[in-house]
N, C-alpha and C. Protein backbone atom coordinates (compact mmCIF):
# COMPACT_ATOMS: atom_id res chain seq x y z
N LEU A 1 -6.37 1.62 -2.54
CA LEU A 1 -5.24 0.82 -2.96
C LEU A 1 -5.76 -0.52 -3.46
N LYS A 2 -5.16 -1.01 -4.55
CA LYS A 2 -5.53 -2.33 -5.05
C LYS A 2 -4.30 -3.04 -5.58
N ASN A 3 -4.15 -4.28 -5.15
CA ASN A 3 -3.10 -5.14 -5.69
C ASN A 3 -3.65 -5.75 -6.97
N ARG A 4 -3.13 -5.35 -8.11
CA ARG A 4 -3.65 -5.78 -9.42
C ARG A 4 -3.21 -7.19 -9.80
N ASP A 5 -2.35 -7.80 -9.03
CA ASP A 5 -1.89 -9.16 -9.32
C ASP A 5 -3.04 -10.14 -9.12
N THR A 6 -3.10 -11.18 -9.92
CA THR A 6 -4.17 -12.17 -9.82
C THR A 6 -3.78 -13.38 -8.97
N THR A 7 -2.52 -13.47 -8.59
CA THR A 7 -2.05 -14.57 -7.75
C THR A 7 -2.15 -14.15 -6.29
N VAL A 8 -2.93 -14.88 -5.51
CA VAL A 8 -3.23 -14.50 -4.12
C VAL A 8 -1.96 -14.39 -3.27
N THR A 9 -0.94 -15.19 -3.56
CA THR A 9 0.27 -15.18 -2.73
C THR A 9 1.29 -14.11 -3.14
N ASP A 10 0.96 -13.26 -4.11
CA ASP A 10 1.83 -12.14 -4.49
C ASP A 10 1.37 -10.90 -3.73
N TYR A 11 2.08 -10.60 -2.66
CA TYR A 11 1.67 -9.55 -1.72
C TYR A 11 2.29 -8.20 -2.05
N ILE A 12 1.59 -7.15 -1.65
CA ILE A 12 2.13 -5.80 -1.60
C ILE A 12 2.05 -5.35 -0.15
N TYR A 13 3.16 -4.83 0.35
CA TYR A 13 3.23 -4.32 1.72
C TYR A 13 3.32 -2.80 1.67
N ILE A 14 2.50 -2.14 2.47
CA ILE A 14 2.56 -0.69 2.63
C ILE A 14 3.16 -0.44 4.00
N TYR A 15 4.22 0.38 4.04
CA TYR A 15 4.88 0.62 5.32
C TYR A 15 5.07 2.10 5.58
N ASP A 16 5.23 2.45 6.85
CA ASP A 16 5.41 3.82 7.30
C ASP A 16 6.90 4.14 7.31
N ASP A 17 7.36 4.93 6.34
CA ASP A 17 8.78 5.25 6.20
C ASP A 17 9.24 6.33 7.18
N THR A 18 8.32 6.98 7.88
CA THR A 18 8.71 8.04 8.81
C THR A 18 8.90 7.54 10.24
N THR A 19 8.54 6.31 10.51
CA THR A 19 8.66 5.75 11.85
C THR A 19 9.84 4.78 11.90
N SER A 20 10.57 4.80 12.98
CA SER A 20 11.72 3.92 13.15
C SER A 20 11.31 2.46 12.97
N GLY A 21 12.08 1.73 12.19
CA GLY A 21 11.78 0.32 11.96
C GLY A 21 10.87 0.07 10.78
N ASP A 22 10.37 1.14 10.15
CA ASP A 22 9.48 1.01 8.97
C ASP A 22 8.36 0.00 9.18
N PRO A 23 7.47 0.21 10.15
CA PRO A 23 6.41 -0.77 10.42
C PRO A 23 5.43 -0.91 9.24
N VAL A 24 5.06 -2.14 8.97
CA VAL A 24 4.06 -2.43 7.93
C VAL A 24 2.69 -2.05 8.47
N VAL A 25 1.94 -1.25 7.69
CA VAL A 25 0.60 -0.84 8.11
C VAL A 25 -0.49 -1.56 7.32
N LEU A 26 -0.11 -2.21 6.20
CA LEU A 26 -1.10 -2.89 5.37
C LEU A 26 -0.42 -3.95 4.52
N LYS A 27 -1.07 -5.11 4.40
CA LYS A 27 -0.59 -6.20 3.55
C LYS A 27 -1.74 -6.58 2.63
N LEU A 28 -1.52 -6.44 1.31
CA LEU A 28 -2.55 -6.75 0.32
C LEU A 28 -2.16 -7.98 -0.48
N ALA A 29 -3.00 -9.01 -0.44
CA ALA A 29 -2.80 -10.19 -1.29
C ALA A 29 -3.24 -9.85 -2.71
N GLY A 30 -2.85 -10.66 -3.67
CA GLY A 30 -3.26 -10.45 -5.05
C GLY A 30 -4.77 -10.35 -5.17
N GLY A 31 -5.27 -9.29 -5.80
CA GLY A 31 -6.70 -9.09 -5.97
C GLY A 31 -7.37 -8.31 -4.85
N ASP A 32 -6.68 -8.14 -3.72
CA ASP A 32 -7.25 -7.41 -2.59
C ASP A 32 -7.20 -5.90 -2.82
N TRP A 33 -8.09 -5.20 -2.12
CA TRP A 33 -8.08 -3.74 -2.15
C TRP A 33 -8.37 -3.23 -0.74
N ALA A 34 -8.05 -1.96 -0.50
CA ALA A 34 -8.28 -1.37 0.81
C ALA A 34 -8.44 0.14 0.68
N PHE A 35 -9.22 0.70 1.57
CA PHE A 35 -9.32 2.14 1.75
C PHE A 35 -8.48 2.47 2.97
N LEU A 36 -7.49 3.33 2.81
CA LEU A 36 -6.56 3.61 3.90
C LEU A 36 -6.53 5.11 4.18
N PRO A 37 -7.11 5.55 5.30
CA PRO A 37 -7.03 6.96 5.67
C PRO A 37 -5.57 7.33 5.95
N LEU A 38 -5.20 8.54 5.60
CA LEU A 38 -3.81 8.97 5.76
C LEU A 38 -3.68 10.10 6.77
N ILE A 39 -2.51 10.20 7.36
CA ILE A 39 -2.14 11.32 8.21
C ILE A 39 -1.09 12.10 7.43
N ALA A 40 -1.26 13.41 7.33
CA ALA A 40 -0.43 14.24 6.46
C ALA A 40 1.06 14.18 6.78
N ASP A 41 1.44 13.94 8.03
CA ASP A 41 2.86 13.95 8.38
C ASP A 41 3.55 12.60 8.20
N LYS A 42 2.88 11.62 7.63
CA LYS A 42 3.46 10.29 7.42
C LYS A 42 3.85 10.10 5.96
N THR A 43 4.94 9.39 5.73
CA THR A 43 5.36 9.02 4.39
C THR A 43 5.17 7.52 4.25
N LEU A 44 4.27 7.11 3.38
CA LEU A 44 4.03 5.69 3.15
C LEU A 44 4.75 5.25 1.89
N ARG A 45 5.27 4.05 1.92
CA ARG A 45 5.94 3.46 0.76
C ARG A 45 5.43 2.03 0.60
N ALA A 46 5.67 1.46 -0.57
CA ALA A 46 5.18 0.12 -0.86
C ALA A 46 6.27 -0.73 -1.51
N TYR A 47 6.18 -2.03 -1.27
CA TYR A 47 7.01 -2.97 -2.00
C TYR A 47 6.21 -4.25 -2.23
N ALA A 48 6.57 -4.98 -3.26
CA ALA A 48 5.87 -6.22 -3.61
C ALA A 48 6.80 -7.41 -3.44
N THR A 49 6.22 -8.59 -3.27
CA THR A 49 7.02 -9.80 -3.11
C THR A 49 7.48 -10.37 -4.45
N THR A 50 6.90 -9.91 -5.55
CA THR A 50 7.32 -10.37 -6.88
C THR A 50 7.46 -9.18 -7.81
N THR A 51 8.28 -9.32 -8.83
CA THR A 51 8.44 -8.25 -9.80
C THR A 51 7.21 -8.20 -10.71
N GLY A 52 6.90 -7.04 -11.20
CA GLY A 52 5.78 -6.88 -12.12
C GLY A 52 4.43 -6.70 -11.44
N THR A 53 4.38 -6.75 -10.13
CA THR A 53 3.12 -6.56 -9.41
C THR A 53 2.76 -5.08 -9.44
N MET A 54 1.52 -4.78 -9.81
CA MET A 54 1.07 -3.39 -9.95
C MET A 54 0.21 -3.00 -8.75
N LEU A 55 0.46 -1.79 -8.24
CA LEU A 55 -0.35 -1.21 -7.18
C LEU A 55 -1.17 -0.07 -7.80
N GLU A 56 -2.46 -0.20 -7.74
CA GLU A 56 -3.36 0.85 -8.24
C GLU A 56 -3.80 1.68 -7.03
N TYR A 57 -3.81 3.00 -7.19
CA TYR A 57 -4.19 3.84 -6.06
C TYR A 57 -4.93 5.09 -6.54
N GLY A 58 -5.66 5.68 -5.64
CA GLY A 58 -6.33 6.94 -5.87
C GLY A 58 -6.27 7.78 -4.61
N VAL A 59 -6.25 9.08 -4.78
CA VAL A 59 -6.22 10.00 -3.63
C VAL A 59 -7.48 10.84 -3.70
N PHE A 60 -8.22 10.85 -2.61
CA PHE A 60 -9.48 11.60 -2.52
C PHE A 60 -9.42 12.49 -1.30
N GLY A 61 -9.94 13.69 -1.42
CA GLY A 61 -9.94 14.57 -0.27
C GLY A 61 -10.32 15.98 -0.66
N THR A 62 -10.14 16.87 0.27
CA THR A 62 -10.41 18.28 0.03
C THR A 62 -9.14 19.08 0.28
N ASP A 63 -9.01 20.16 -0.42
CA ASP A 63 -7.86 21.04 -0.24
C ASP A 63 -8.15 21.97 0.92
N GLN A 64 -7.45 21.81 2.01
CA GLN A 64 -7.73 22.64 3.20
C GLN A 64 -6.56 23.52 3.53
């Protein structure tokens, strides 16, 4: 995951939509990136603090 925004205070929040209360699992400032292991039964969603903020992502793994 990468927050493509260049302004450090423009955050992207990744939250767990399958858990009550939608807990935030990751907060990315502008320019930050993270590798986030996933659990198959979780649904993650994202929102940004400003419009136009882009989230870049990739999925890597094996088909099991």
